[in-house]
Amino acid sequence: MNNIKKLRLKRKITQVDLAKQIEVKQETISAYESGKAQPSCEALVKIADYLNTSTDYLLGRIEDDSPLSGYNIKSMNPKTYKMLNNFLMLKEKEKDECLWYSEAIRKRDFDK
């Protein structure tokens, strides 16, 4: 479960913060990261959700840590992919701001 640690550090999240989010002890996160314990399916999903990635990435099945890595994106416009990927990395408050701003732009352009 080295990808948990790698992504946790990349996102600047402490073991304590991750543990609180998924409702386990910090020692449990340490055990996951060192390979001394394996997370349950439920814990793995919670970790993936909190770190905005896929369970496949955490399990080492794919190399792309993007939240969109599990989707078929071959036909997706590169700008759309980048926007969605960036959006999924935001905190909830930032997502709300983004949505408000995009709706304001759309309304402005529609009113022209």
PDB file of N, CA and C in Angstrom:
ATOM      1  N   MET A   1       0.824  -1.193   0.000  1.00  0.00           N
ATOM      2  CA  MET A   1       0.000   0.000   0.000  1.00  0.00           C
ATOM      3  C   MET A   1       0.865   1.253   0.000  1.00  0.00           C
ATOM      4  N   ASN A   2       2.003   1.177  -0.703  1.00  0.00           N
ATOM      5  CA  ASN A   2       2.902   2.322  -0.788  1.00  0.00           C
ATOM      6  C   ASN A   2       2.243   3.512  -1.478  1.00  0.00           C
ATOM      7  N   ASN A   3       1.265   3.255  -2.347  1.00  0.00           N
ATOM      8  CA  ASN A   3       0.597   4.359  -3.042  1.00  0.00           C
ATOM      9  C   ASN A   3      -0.237   5.213  -2.093  1.00  0.00           C
ATOM     10  N   ILE A   4      -0.701   4.650  -1.001  1.00  0.00           N
ATOM     11  CA  ILE A   4      -1.424   5.458  -0.014  1.00  0.00           C
ATOM     12  C   ILE A   4      -0.484   6.532   0.520  1.00  0.00           C
ATOM     13  N   LYS A   5       0.696   6.117   0.944  1.00  0.00           N
ATOM     14  CA  LYS A   5       1.666   7.069   1.493  1.00  0.00           C
ATOM     15  C   LYS A   5       2.092   8.082   0.439  1.00  0.00           C
ATOM     16  N   LYS A   6       2.378   7.590  -0.755  1.00  0.00           N
ATOM     17  CA  LYS A   6       2.824   8.478  -1.825  1.00  0.00           C
ATOM     18  C   LYS A   6       1.788   9.574  -2.096  1.00  0.00           C
ATOM     19  N   LEU A   7       0.555   9.185  -2.218  1.00  0.00           N
ATOM     20  CA  LEU A   7      -0.505  10.143  -2.530  1.00  0.00           C
ATOM     21  C   LEU A   7      -0.840  11.018  -1.318  1.00  0.00           C
ATOM     22  N   ARG A   8      -0.792  10.440  -0.146  1.00  0.00           N
ATOM     23  CA  ARG A   8      -1.050  11.222   1.068  1.00  0.00           C
ATOM     24  C   ARG A   8      -0.024  12.343   1.193  1.00  0.00           C
ATOM     25  N   LEU A   9       1.243  12.030   0.960  1.00  0.00           N
ATOM     26  CA  LEU A   9       2.295  13.042   1.027  1.00  0.00           C
ATOM     27  C   LEU A   9       2.148  14.071  -0.094  1.00  0.00           C
ATOM     28  N   LYS A  10       1.809  13.602  -1.278  1.00  0.00           N
ATOM     29  CA  LYS A  10       1.604  14.512  -2.409  1.00  0.00           C
ATOM     30  C   LYS A  10       0.495  15.522  -2.108  1.00  0.00           C
ATOM     31  N   ARG A  11      -0.531  15.077  -1.409  1.00  0.00           N
ATOM     32  CA  ARG A  11      -1.674  15.942  -1.070  1.00  0.00           C
ATOM     33  C   ARG A  11      -1.447  16.708   0.245  1.00  0.00           C
ATOM     34  N   LYS A  12      -0.264  16.480   0.864  1.00  0.00           N
ATOM     35  CA  LYS A  12       0.101  17.143   2.123  1.00  0.00           C
ATOM     36  C   LYS A  12      -0.915  16.858   3.235  1.00  0.00           C
ATOM     37  N   ILE A  13      -1.237  15.581   3.362  1.00  0.00           N
ATOM     38  CA  ILE A  13      -2.179  15.115   4.376  1.00  0.00           C
ATOM     39  C   ILE A  13      -1.399  14.260   5.372  1.00  0.00           C
ATOM     40  N   THR A  14      -1.616  14.485   6.649  1.00  0.00           N
ATOM     41  CA  THR A  14      -0.927  13.693   7.670  1.00  0.00           C
ATOM     42  C   THR A  14      -1.645  12.362   7.878  1.00  0.00           C
ATOM     43  N   GLN A  15      -0.925  11.427   8.468  1.00  0.00           N
ATOM     44  CA  GLN A  15      -1.550  10.154   8.821  1.00  0.00           C
ATOM     45  C   GLN A  15      -2.708  10.377   9.788  1.00  0.00           C
ATOM     46  N   VAL A  16      -2.547  11.319  10.696  1.00  0.00           N
ATOM     47  CA  VAL A  16      -3.595  11.619  11.677  1.00  0.00           C
ATOM     48  C   VAL A  16      -4.851  12.121  10.975  1.00  0.00           C
ATOM     49  N   ASP A  17      -4.678  13.045  10.017  1.00  0.00           N
ATOM     50  CA  ASP A  17      -5.835  13.584   9.286  1.00  0.00           C
ATOM     51  C   ASP A  17      -6.542  12.500   8.479  1.00  0.00           C
ATOM     52  N   LEU A  18      -5.756  11.667   7.793  1.00  0.00           N
ATOM     53  CA  LEU A  18      -6.354  10.584   7.009  1.00  0.00           C
ATOM     54  C   LEU A  18      -7.096   9.613   7.932  1.00  0.00           C
ATOM     55  N   ALA A  19      -6.478   9.290   9.044  1.00  0.00           N
ATOM     56  CA  ALA A  19      -7.106   8.369  10.001  1.00  0.00           C
ATOM     57  C   ALA A  19      -8.447   8.915  10.494  1.00  0.00           C
ATOM     58  N   LYS A  20      -8.487  10.196  10.808  1.00  0.00           N
ATOM     59  CA  LYS A  20      -9.748  10.807  11.262  1.00  0.00           C
ATOM     60  C   LYS A  20     -10.816  10.713  10.180  1.00  0.00           C
ATOM     61  N   GLN A  21     -10.431  10.971   8.946  1.00  0.00           N
ATOM     62  CA  GLN A  21     -11.393  10.974   7.847  1.00  0.00           C
ATOM     63  C   GLN A  21     -12.002   9.603   7.598  1.00  0.00           C
ATOM     64  N   ILE A  22     -11.197   8.559   7.772  1.00  0.00           N
ATOM     65  CA  ILE A  22     -11.734   7.220   7.492  1.00  0.00           C
ATOM     66  C   ILE A  22     -12.078   6.456   8.773  1.00  0.00           C
ATOM     67  N   GLU A  23     -11.976   7.158   9.895  1.00  0.00           N
ATOM     68  CA  GLU A  23     -12.399   6.628  11.195  1.00  0.00           C
ATOM     69  C   GLU A  23     -11.613   5.391  11.641  1.00  0.00           C
ATOM     70  N   VAL A  24     -10.285   5.522  11.559  1.00  0.00           N
ATOM     71  CA  VAL A  24      -9.391   4.502  12.107  1.00  0.00           C
ATOM     72  C   VAL A  24      -8.310   5.225  12.913  1.00  0.00           C
ATOM     73  N   LYS A  25      -7.453   4.473  13.575  1.00  0.00           N
ATOM     74  CA  LYS A  25      -6.348   5.065  14.336  1.00  0.00           C
ATOM     75  C   LYS A  25      -5.184   5.392  13.401  1.00  0.00           C
ATOM     76  N   GLN A  26      -4.368   6.338  13.812  1.00  0.00           N
ATOM     77  CA  GLN A  26      -3.180   6.707  13.037  1.00  0.00           C
ATOM     78  C   GLN A  26      -2.266   5.502  12.862  1.00  0.00           C
ATOM     79  N   GLU A  27      -2.187   4.671  13.871  1.00  0.00           N
ATOM     80  CA  GLU A  27      -1.352   3.470  13.796  1.00  0.00           C
ATOM     81  C   GLU A  27      -1.817   2.532  12.682  1.00  0.00           C
ATOM     82  N   THR A  28      -3.113   2.528  12.424  1.00  0.00           N
ATOM     83  CA  THR A  28      -3.669   1.691  11.353  1.00  0.00           C
ATOM     84  C   THR A  28      -3.192   2.193   9.999  1.00  0.00           C
ATOM     85  N   ILE A  29      -3.201   3.507   9.809  1.00  0.00           N
ATOM     86  CA  ILE A  29      -2.699   4.090   8.556  1.00  0.00           C
ATOM     87  C   ILE A  29      -1.229   3.742   8.385  1.00  0.00           C
ATOM     88  N   SER A  30      -0.467   3.861   9.454  1.00  0.00           N
ATOM     89  CA  SER A  30       0.952   3.510   9.414  1.00  0.00           C
ATOM     90  C   SER A  30       1.141   2.049   9.008  1.00  0.00           C
ATOM     91  N   ALA A  31       0.315   1.173   9.545  1.00  0.00           N
ATOM     92  CA  ALA A  31       0.398  -0.256   9.205  1.00  0.00           C
ATOM     93  C   ALA A  31       0.035  -0.495   7.742  1.00  0.00           C
ATOM     94  N   TYR A  32      -0.959   0.225   7.232  1.00  0.00           N
ATOM     95  CA  TYR A  32      -1.316   0.105   5.811  1.00  0.00           C
ATOM     96  C   TYR A  32      -0.129   0.511   4.943  1.00  0.00           C
ATOM     97  N   GLU A  33       0.466   1.659   5.287  1.00  0.00           N
ATOM     98  CA  GLU A  33       1.544   2.204   4.461  1.00  0.00           C
ATOM     99  C   GLU A  33       2.810   1.360   4.507  1.00  0.00           C
ATOM    100  N   SER A  34       3.054   0.711   5.625  1.00  0.00           N
ATOM    101  CA  SER A  34       4.260  -0.114   5.755  1.00  0.00           C
ATOM    102  C   SER A  34       4.049  -1.543   5.258  1.00  0.00           C
ATOM    103  N   GLY A  35       2.805  -1.890   4.929  1.00  0.00           N
ATOM    104  CA  GLY A  35       2.510  -3.232   4.455  1.00  0.00           C
ATOM    105  C   GLY A  35       2.281  -4.241   5.567  1.00  0.00           C
ATOM    106  N   LYS A  36       2.234  -3.773   6.814  1.00  0.00           N
ATOM    107  CA  LYS A  36       2.005  -4.676   7.943  1.00  0.00           C
ATOM    108  C   LYS A  36       0.542  -5.081   8.067  1.00  0.00           C
ATOM    109  N   ALA A  37      -0.342  -4.302   7.441  1.00  0.00           N
ATOM    110  CA  ALA A  37      -1.781  -4.618   7.456  1.00  0.00           C
ATOM    111  C   ALA A  37      -2.383  -4.190   6.126  1.00  0.00           C
ATOM    112  N   GLN A  38      -3.471  -4.837   5.755  1.00  0.00           N
ATOM    113  CA  GLN A  38      -4.195  -4.494   4.529  1.00  0.00           C
ATOM    114  C   GLN A  38      -5.533  -3.864   4.907  1.00  0.00           C
ATOM    115  N   PRO A  39      -5.894  -2.754   4.247  1.00  0.00           N
ATOM    116  CA  PRO A  39      -7.196  -2.149   4.556  1.00  0.00           C
ATOM    117  C   PRO A  39      -8.339  -3.037   4.078  1.00  0.00           C
ATOM    118  N   SER A  40      -9.436  -2.979   4.802  1.00  0.00           N
ATOM    119  CA  SER A  40     -10.647  -3.676   4.355  1.00  0.00           C
ATOM    120  C   SER A  40     -11.139  -2.994   3.083  1.00  0.00           C
ATOM    121  N   CYS A  41     -12.050  -3.641   2.388  1.00  0.00           N
ATOM    122  CA  CYS A  41     -12.630  -3.029   1.183  1.00  0.00           C
ATOM    123  C   CYS A  41     -13.265  -1.685   1.518  1.00  0.00           C
ATOM    124  N   GLU A  42     -13.976  -1.640   2.635  1.00  0.00           N
ATOM    125  CA  GLU A  42     -14.638  -0.397   3.055  1.00  0.00           C
ATOM    126  C   GLU A  42     -13.617   0.710   3.320  1.00  0.00           C
ATOM    127  N   ALA A  43     -12.532   0.375   4.018  1.00  0.00           N
ATOM    128  CA  ALA A  43     -11.493   1.364   4.312  1.00  0.00           C
ATOM    129  C   ALA A  43     -10.800   1.817   3.034  1.00  0.00           C
ATOM    130  N   LEU A  44     -10.554   0.884   2.123  1.00  0.00           N
ATOM    131  CA  LEU A  44      -9.904   1.219   0.859  1.00  0.00           C
ATOM    132  C   LEU A  44     -10.740   2.214   0.059  1.00  0.00           C
ATOM    133  N   VAL A  45     -12.032   2.007   0.011  1.00  0.00           N
ATOM    134  CA  VAL A  45     -12.931   2.924  -0.701  1.00  0.00           C
ATOM    135  C   VAL A  45     -12.920   4.296  -0.031  1.00  0.00           C
ATOM    136  N   LYS A  46     -12.953   4.323   1.295  1.00  0.00           N
ATOM    137  CA  LYS A  46     -12.917   5.603   2.016  1.00  0.00           C
ATOM    138  C   LYS A  46     -11.617   6.356   1.740  1.00  0.00           C
ATOM    139  N   ILE A  47     -10.510   5.630   1.733  1.00  0.00           N
ATOM    140  CA  ILE A  47      -9.212   6.255   1.458  1.00  0.00           C
ATOM    141  C   ILE A  47      -9.191   6.805   0.035  1.00  0.00           C
ATOM    142  N   ALA A  48      -9.636   6.007  -0.920  1.00  0.00           N
ATOM    143  CA  ALA A  48      -9.665   6.453  -2.320  1.00  0.00           C
ATOM    144  C   ALA A  48     -10.543   7.689  -2.479  1.00  0.00           C
ATOM    145  N   ASP A  49     -11.693   7.684  -1.845  1.00  0.00           N
ATOM    146  CA  ASP A  49     -12.587   8.843  -1.930  1.00  0.00           C
ATOM    147  C   ASP A  49     -11.934  10.084  -1.335  1.00  0.00           C
ATOM    148  N   TYR A  50     -11.329   9.934  -0.170  1.00  0.00           N
ATOM    149  CA  TYR A  50     -10.721  11.088   0.493  1.00  0.00           C
ATOM    150  C   TYR A  50      -9.514  11.620  -0.276  1.00  0.00           C
ATOM    151  N   LEU A  51      -8.735  10.720  -0.868  1.00  0.00           N
ATOM    152  CA  LEU A  51      -7.545  11.140  -1.614  1.00  0.00           C
ATOM    153  C   LEU A  51      -7.853  11.452  -3.083  1.00  0.00           C
ATOM    154  N   ASN A  52      -9.123  11.366  -3.454  1.00  0.00           N
ATOM    155  CA  ASN A  52      -9.547  11.649  -4.836  1.00  0.00           C
ATOM    156  C   ASN A  52      -8.775  10.816  -5.852  1.00  0.00           C
ATOM    157  N   THR A  53      -8.820   9.522  -5.664  1.00  0.00           N
ATOM    158  CA  THR A  53      -8.165   8.614  -6.595  1.00  0.00           C
ATOM    159  C   THR A  53      -9.011   7.355  -6.706  1.00  0.00           C
ATOM    160  N   SER A  54      -8.511   6.382  -7.437  1.00  0.00           N
ATOM    161  CA  SER A  54      -9.247   5.125  -7.588  1.00  0.00           C
ATOM    162  C   SER A  54      -8.663   4.064  -6.659  1.00  0.00           C
ATOM    163  N   THR A  55      -9.473   3.086  -6.346  1.00  0.00           N
ATOM    164  CA  THR A  55      -8.969   1.966  -5.552  1.00  0.00           C
ATOM    165  C   THR A  55      -7.914   1.197  -6.347  1.00  0.00           C
ATOM    166  N   ASP A  56      -8.064   1.160  -7.660  1.00  0.00           N
ATOM    167  CA  ASP A  56      -7.065   0.484  -8.496  1.00  0.00           C
ATOM    168  C   ASP A  56      -5.690   1.125  -8.334  1.00  0.00           C
ATOM    169  N   TYR A  57      -5.640   2.450  -8.242  1.00  0.00           N
ATOM    170  CA  TYR A  57      -4.355   3.123  -8.036  1.00  0.00           C
ATOM    171  C   TYR A  57      -3.779   2.737  -6.671  1.00  0.00           C
ATOM    172  N   LEU A  58      -4.610   2.785  -5.642  1.00  0.00           N
ATOM    173  CA  LEU A  58      -4.125   2.449  -4.302  1.00  0.00           C
ATOM    174  C   LEU A  58      -3.611   1.022  -4.235  1.00  0.00           C
ATOM    175  N   LEU A  59      -4.237   0.125  -4.987  1.00  0.00           N
ATOM    176  CA  LEU A  59      -3.821  -1.281  -5.004  1.00  0.00           C
ATOM    177  C   LEU A  59      -2.624  -1.537  -5.912  1.00  0.00           C
ATOM    178  N   GLY A  60      -2.187  -0.510  -6.650  1.00  0.00           N
ATOM    179  CA  GLY A  60      -1.044  -0.658  -7.544  1.00  0.00           C
ATOM    180  C   GLY A  60      -1.385  -1.291  -8.876  1.00  0.00           C
ATOM    181  N   ARG A  61      -2.665  -1.360  -9.215  1.00  0.00           N
ATOM    182  CA  ARG A  61      -3.092  -1.975 -10.478  1.00  0.00           C
ATOM    183  C   ARG A  61      -2.940  -1.028 -11.657  1.00  0.00           C
ATOM    184  N   ILE A  62      -2.966   0.277 -11.394  1.00  0.00           N
ATOM    185  CA  ILE A  62      -2.736   1.277 -12.436  1.00  0.00           C
ATOM    186  C   ILE A  62      -1.761   2.313 -11.889  1.00  0.00           C
ATOM    187  N   GLU A  63      -1.103   3.043 -12.789  1.00  0.00           N
ATOM    188  CA  GLU A  63      -0.101   4.020 -12.368  1.00  0.00           C
ATOM    189  C   GLU A  63      -0.641   5.439 -12.280  1.00  0.00           C
ATOM    190  N   ASP A  64      -1.799   5.695 -12.843  1.00  0.00           N
ATOM    191  CA  ASP A  64      -2.368   7.042 -12.885  1.00  0.00           C
ATOM    192  C   ASP A  64      -3.186   7.292 -11.623  1.00  0.00           C
ATOM    193  N   ASP A  65      -2.771   8.299 -10.825  1.00  0.00           N
ATOM    194  CA  ASP A  65      -3.503   8.587  -9.586  1.00  0.00           C
ATOM    195  C   ASP A  65      -4.675   9.538  -9.791  1.00  0.00           C
ATOM    196  N   SER A  66      -4.941   9.919 -11.028  1.00  0.00           N
ATOM    197  CA  SER A  66      -6.036  10.833 -11.341  1.00  0.00           C
ATOM    198  C   SER A  66      -7.377  10.236 -10.944  1.00  0.00           C
ATOM    199  N   PRO A  67      -8.289  11.076 -10.426  1.00  0.00           N
ATOM    200  CA  PRO A  67      -9.612  10.554 -10.090  1.00  0.00           C
ATOM    201  C   PRO A  67     -10.381  10.060 -11.313  1.00  0.00           C
ATOM    202  N   LEU A  68      -9.967  10.477 -12.490  1.00  0.00           N
ATOM    203  CA  LEU A  68     -10.642  10.055 -13.717  1.00  0.00           C
ATOM    204  C   LEU A  68     -10.006   8.823 -14.342  1.00  0.00           C
ATOM    205  N   SER A  69      -9.005   8.262 -13.686  1.00  0.00           N
ATOM    206  CA  SER A  69      -8.262   7.154 -14.287  1.00  0.00           C
ATOM    207  C   SER A  69      -9.114   5.928 -14.565  1.00  0.00           C
ATOM    208  N   GLY A  70     -10.194   5.744 -13.849  1.00  0.00           N
ATOM    209  CA  GLY A  70     -11.046   4.582 -14.066  1.00  0.00           C
ATOM    210  C   GLY A  70     -12.090   4.759 -15.146  1.00  0.00           C
ATOM    211  N   TYR A  71     -12.147   5.933 -15.744  1.00  0.00           N
ATOM    212  CA  TYR A  71     -13.164   6.217 -16.751  1.00  0.00           C
ATOM    213  C   TYR A  71     -12.601   6.074 -18.159  1.00  0.00           C
ATOM    214  N   ASN A  72     -13.478   5.778 -19.104  1.00  0.00           N
ATOM    215  CA  ASN A  72     -13.084   5.726 -20.506  1.00  0.00           C
ATOM    216  C   ASN A  72     -13.033   7.160 -21.022  1.00  0.00           C
ATOM    217  N   ILE A  73     -11.830   7.678 -21.172  1.00  0.00           N
ATOM    218  CA  ILE A  73     -11.682   9.083 -21.539  1.00  0.00           C
ATOM    219  C   ILE A  73     -11.087   9.278 -22.933  1.00  0.00           C
ATOM    220  N   LYS A  74     -11.017   8.214 -23.704  1.00  0.00           N
ATOM    221  CA  LYS A  74     -10.402   8.306 -25.026  1.00  0.00           C
ATOM    222  C   LYS A  74     -11.055   9.358 -25.906  1.00  0.00           C
ATOM    223  N   SER A  75     -12.367   9.495 -25.789  1.00  0.00           N
ATOM    224  CA  SER A  75     -13.067  10.452 -26.647  1.00  0.00           C
ATOM    225  C   SER A  75     -13.261  11.808 -25.968  1.00  0.00           C
ATOM    226  N   MET A  76     -12.748  11.975 -24.759  1.00  0.00           N
ATOM    227  CA  MET A  76     -12.937  13.223 -24.031  1.00  0.00           C
ATOM    228  C   MET A  76     -11.970  14.294 -24.532  1.00  0.00           C
ATOM    229  N   ASN A  77     -12.490  15.495 -24.710  1.00  0.00           N
ATOM    230  CA  ASN A  77     -11.674  16.642 -25.083  1.00  0.00           C
ATOM    231  C   ASN A  77     -10.608  16.849 -23.998  1.00  0.00           C
ATOM    232  N   PRO A  78      -9.344  17.119 -24.370  1.00  0.00           N
ATOM    233  CA  PRO A  78      -8.287  17.300 -23.369  1.00  0.00           C
ATOM    234  C   PRO A  78      -8.582  18.415 -22.355  1.00  0.00           C
ATOM    235  N   LYS A  79      -9.209  19.487 -22.803  1.00  0.00           N
ATOM    236  CA  LYS A  79      -9.550  20.572 -21.874  1.00  0.00           C
ATOM    237  C   LYS A  79     -10.619  20.116 -20.879  1.00  0.00           C
ATOM    238  N   THR A  80     -11.567  19.340 -21.357  1.00  0.00           N
ATOM    239  CA  THR A  80     -12.613  18.819 -20.475  1.00  0.00           C
ATOM    240  C   THR A  80     -12.000  17.889 -19.436  1.00  0.00           C
ATOM    241  N   TYR A  81     -11.103  17.028 -19.872  1.00  0.00           N
ATOM    242  CA  TYR A  81     -10.417  16.117 -18.957  1.00  0.00           C
ATOM    243  C   TYR A  81      -9.677  16.899 -17.876  1.00  0.00           C
ATOM    244  N   LYS A  82      -8.921  17.915 -18.302  1.00  0.00           N
ATOM    245  CA  LYS A  82      -8.140  18.711 -17.355  1.00  0.00           C
ATOM    246  C   LYS A  82      -9.052  19.421 -16.355  1.00  0.00           C
ATOM    247  N   MET A  83     -10.156  20.008 -16.851  1.00  0.00           N
ATOM    248  CA  MET A  83     -11.091  20.703 -15.962  1.00  0.00           C
ATOM    249  C   MET A  83     -11.707  19.731 -14.953  1.00  0.00           C
ATOM    250  N   LEU A  84     -12.177  18.582 -15.428  1.00  0.00           N
ATOM    251  CA  LEU A  84     -12.791  17.602 -14.528  1.00  0.00           C
ATOM    252  C   LEU A  84     -11.797  17.088 -13.494  1.00  0.00           C
ATOM    253  N   ASN A  85     -10.604  16.803 -13.948  1.00  0.00           N
ATOM    254  CA  ASN A  85      -9.577  16.296 -13.045  1.00  0.00           C
ATOM    255  C   ASN A  85      -9.257  17.333 -11.971  1.00  0.00           C
ATOM    256  N   ASN A  86      -9.063  18.583 -12.380  1.00  0.00           N
ATOM    257  CA  ASN A  86      -8.789  19.652 -11.417  1.00  0.00           C
ATOM    258  C   ASN A  86      -9.956  19.835 -10.457  1.00  0.00           C
ATOM    259  N   PHE A  87     -11.171  19.796 -10.981  1.00  0.00           N
ATOM    260  CA  PHE A  87     -12.366  19.977 -10.158  1.00  0.00           C
ATOM    261  C   PHE A  87     -12.457  18.901  -9.081  1.00  0.00           C
ATOM    262  N   LEU A  88     -12.178  17.672  -9.455  1.00  0.00           N
ATOM    263  CA  LEU A  88     -12.275  16.562  -8.505  1.00  0.00           C
ATOM    264  C   LEU A  88     -11.241  16.643  -7.386  1.00  0.00           C
ATOM    265  N   MET A  89     -10.178  17.408  -7.606  1.00  0.00           N
ATOM    266  CA  MET A  89      -9.126  17.557  -6.599  1.00  0.00           C
ATOM    267  C   MET A  89      -9.453  18.643  -5.575  1.00  0.00           C
ATOM    268  N   LEU A  90     -10.491  19.437  -5.821  1.00  0.00           N
ATOM    269  CA  LEU A  90     -10.837  20.548  -4.939  1.00  0.00           C
ATOM    270  C   LEU A  90     -11.585  20.083  -3.696  1.00  0.00           C
ATOM    271  N   LYS A  91     -11.540  20.915  -2.671  1.00  0.00           N
ATOM    272  CA  LYS A  91     -12.358  20.690  -1.478  1.00  0.00           C
ATOM    273  C   LYS A  91     -13.783  21.111  -1.803  1.00  0.00           C
ATOM    274  N   GLU A  92     -14.740  20.687  -0.988  1.00  0.00           N
ATOM    275  CA  GLU A  92     -16.163  20.946  -1.271  1.00  0.00           C
ATOM    276  C   GLU A  92     -16.474  22.430  -1.431  1.00  0.00           C
ATOM    277  N   LYS A  93     -15.930  23.266  -0.561  1.00  0.00           N
ATOM    278  CA  LYS A  93     -16.189  24.708  -0.654  1.00  0.00           C
ATOM    279  C   LYS A  93     -15.672  25.257  -1.985  1.00  0.00           C
ATOM    280  N   GLU A  94     -14.490  24.809  -2.395  1.00  0.00           N
ATOM    281  CA  GLU A  94     -13.909  25.255  -3.658  1.00  0.00           C
ATOM    282  C   GLU A  94     -14.739  24.761  -4.843  1.00  0.00           C
ATOM    283  N   LYS A  95     -15.290  23.556  -4.734  1.00  0.00           N
ATOM    284  CA  LYS A  95     -16.159  23.038  -5.796  1.00  0.00           C
ATOM    285  C   LYS A  95     -17.399  23.908  -5.928  1.00  0.00           C
ATOM    286  N   ASP A  96     -17.969  24.314  -4.784  1.00  0.00           N
ATOM    287  CA  ASP A  96     -19.142  25.196  -4.816  1.00  0.00           C
ATOM    288  C   ASP A  96     -18.815  26.521  -5.496  1.00  0.00           C
ATOM    289  N   GLU A  97     -17.644  27.079  -5.188  1.00  0.00           N
ATOM    290  CA  GLU A  97     -17.221  28.336  -5.813  1.00  0.00           C
ATOM    291  C   GLU A  97     -17.050  28.161  -7.321  1.00  0.00           C
ATOM    292  N   CYS A  98     -16.454  27.056  -7.712  1.00  0.00           N
ATOM    293  CA  CYS A  98     -16.247  26.764  -9.139  1.00  0.00           C
ATOM    294  C   CYS A  98     -17.581  26.667  -9.867  1.00  0.00           C
ATOM    295  N   LEU A  99     -18.508  25.949  -9.269  1.00  0.00           N
ATOM    296  CA  LEU A  99     -19.826  25.796  -9.890  1.00  0.00           C
ATOM    297  C   LEU A  99     -20.525  27.142 -10.014  1.00  0.00           C
ATOM    298  N   TRP A 100     -20.456  27.949  -8.958  1.00  0.00           N
ATOM    299  CA  TRP A 100     -21.077  29.273  -8.995  1.00  0.00           C
ATOM    300  C   TRP A 100     -20.470  30.106 -10.121  1.00  0.00           C
ATOM    301  N   TYR A 101     -19.134  30.087 -10.216  1.00  0.00           N
ATOM    302  CA  TYR A 101     -18.443  30.879 -11.229  1.00  0.00           C
ATOM    303  C   TYR A 101     -18.791  30.395 -12.638  1.00  0.00           C
ATOM    304  N   SER A 102     -18.798  29.095 -12.852  1.00  0.00           N
ATOM    305  CA  SER A 102     -19.101  28.575 -14.193  1.00  0.00           C
ATOM    306  C   SER A 102     -20.541  28.883 -14.590  1.00  0.00           C
ATOM    307  N   GLU A 103     -21.458  28.833 -13.611  1.00  0.00           N
ATOM    308  CA  GLU A 103     -22.852  29.179 -13.908  1.00  0.00           C
ATOM    309  C   GLU A 103     -22.986  30.664 -14.235  1.00  0.00           C
ATOM    310  N   ALA A 104     -22.218  31.515 -13.554  1.00  0.00           N
ATOM    311  CA  ALA A 104     -22.237  32.957 -13.839  1.00  0.00           C
ATOM    312  C   ALA A 104     -21.715  33.232 -15.248  1.00  0.00           C
ATOM    313  N   ILE A 105     -20.669  32.551 -15.644  1.00  0.00           N
ATOM    314  CA  ILE A 105     -20.118  32.721 -16.997  1.00  0.00           C
ATOM    315  C   ILE A 105     -21.140  32.267 -18.031  1.00  0.00           C
ATOM    316  N   ARG A 106     -21.743  31.108 -17.792  1.00  0.00           N
ATOM    317  CA  ARG A 106     -22.745  30.591 -18.728  1.00  0.00           C
ATOM    318  C   ARG A 106     -23.926  31.543 -18.854  1.00  0.00           C
ATOM    319  N   LYS A 107     -24.392  32.080 -17.748  1.00  0.00           N
ATOM    320  CA  LYS A 107     -25.514  33.018 -17.759  1.00  0.00           C
ATOM    321  C   LYS A 107     -25.122  34.293 -18.501  1.00  0.00           C
ATOM    322  N   ARG A 108     -23.925  34.783 -18.243  1.00  0.00           N
ATOM    323  CA  ARG A 108     -23.437  35.982 -18.918  1.00  0.00           C
ATOM    324  C   ARG A 108     -23.405  35.770 -20.432  1.00  0.00           C
ATOM    325  N   ASP A 109     -22.882  34.648 -20.854  1.00  0.00           N
ATOM    326  CA  ASP A 109     -22.788  34.363 -22.287  1.00  0.00           C
ATOM    327  C   ASP A 109     -24.159  34.127 -22.900  1.00  0.00           C
ATOM    328  N   PHE A 110     -25.067  33.545 -22.144  1.00  0.00           N
ATOM    329  CA  PHE A 110     -26.418  33.284 -22.643  1.00  0.00           C
ATOM    330  C   PHE A 110     -27.194  34.586 -22.818  1.00  0.00           C
ATOM    331  N   ASP A 111     -26.954  35.554 -21.934  1.00  0.00           N
ATOM    332  CA  ASP A 111     -27.679  36.823 -21.974  1.00  0.00           C
ATOM    333  C   ASP A 111     -27.191  37.753 -23.078  1.00  0.00           C
ATOM    334  N   LYS A 112     -26.100  37.446 -23.719  1.00  0.00           N
ATOM    335  CA  LYS A 112     -25.562  38.325 -24.784  1.00  0.00           C
ATOM    336  C   LYS A 112     -26.428  38.299 -26.009  1.00  0.00           C
TER     337      LYS A 112
END
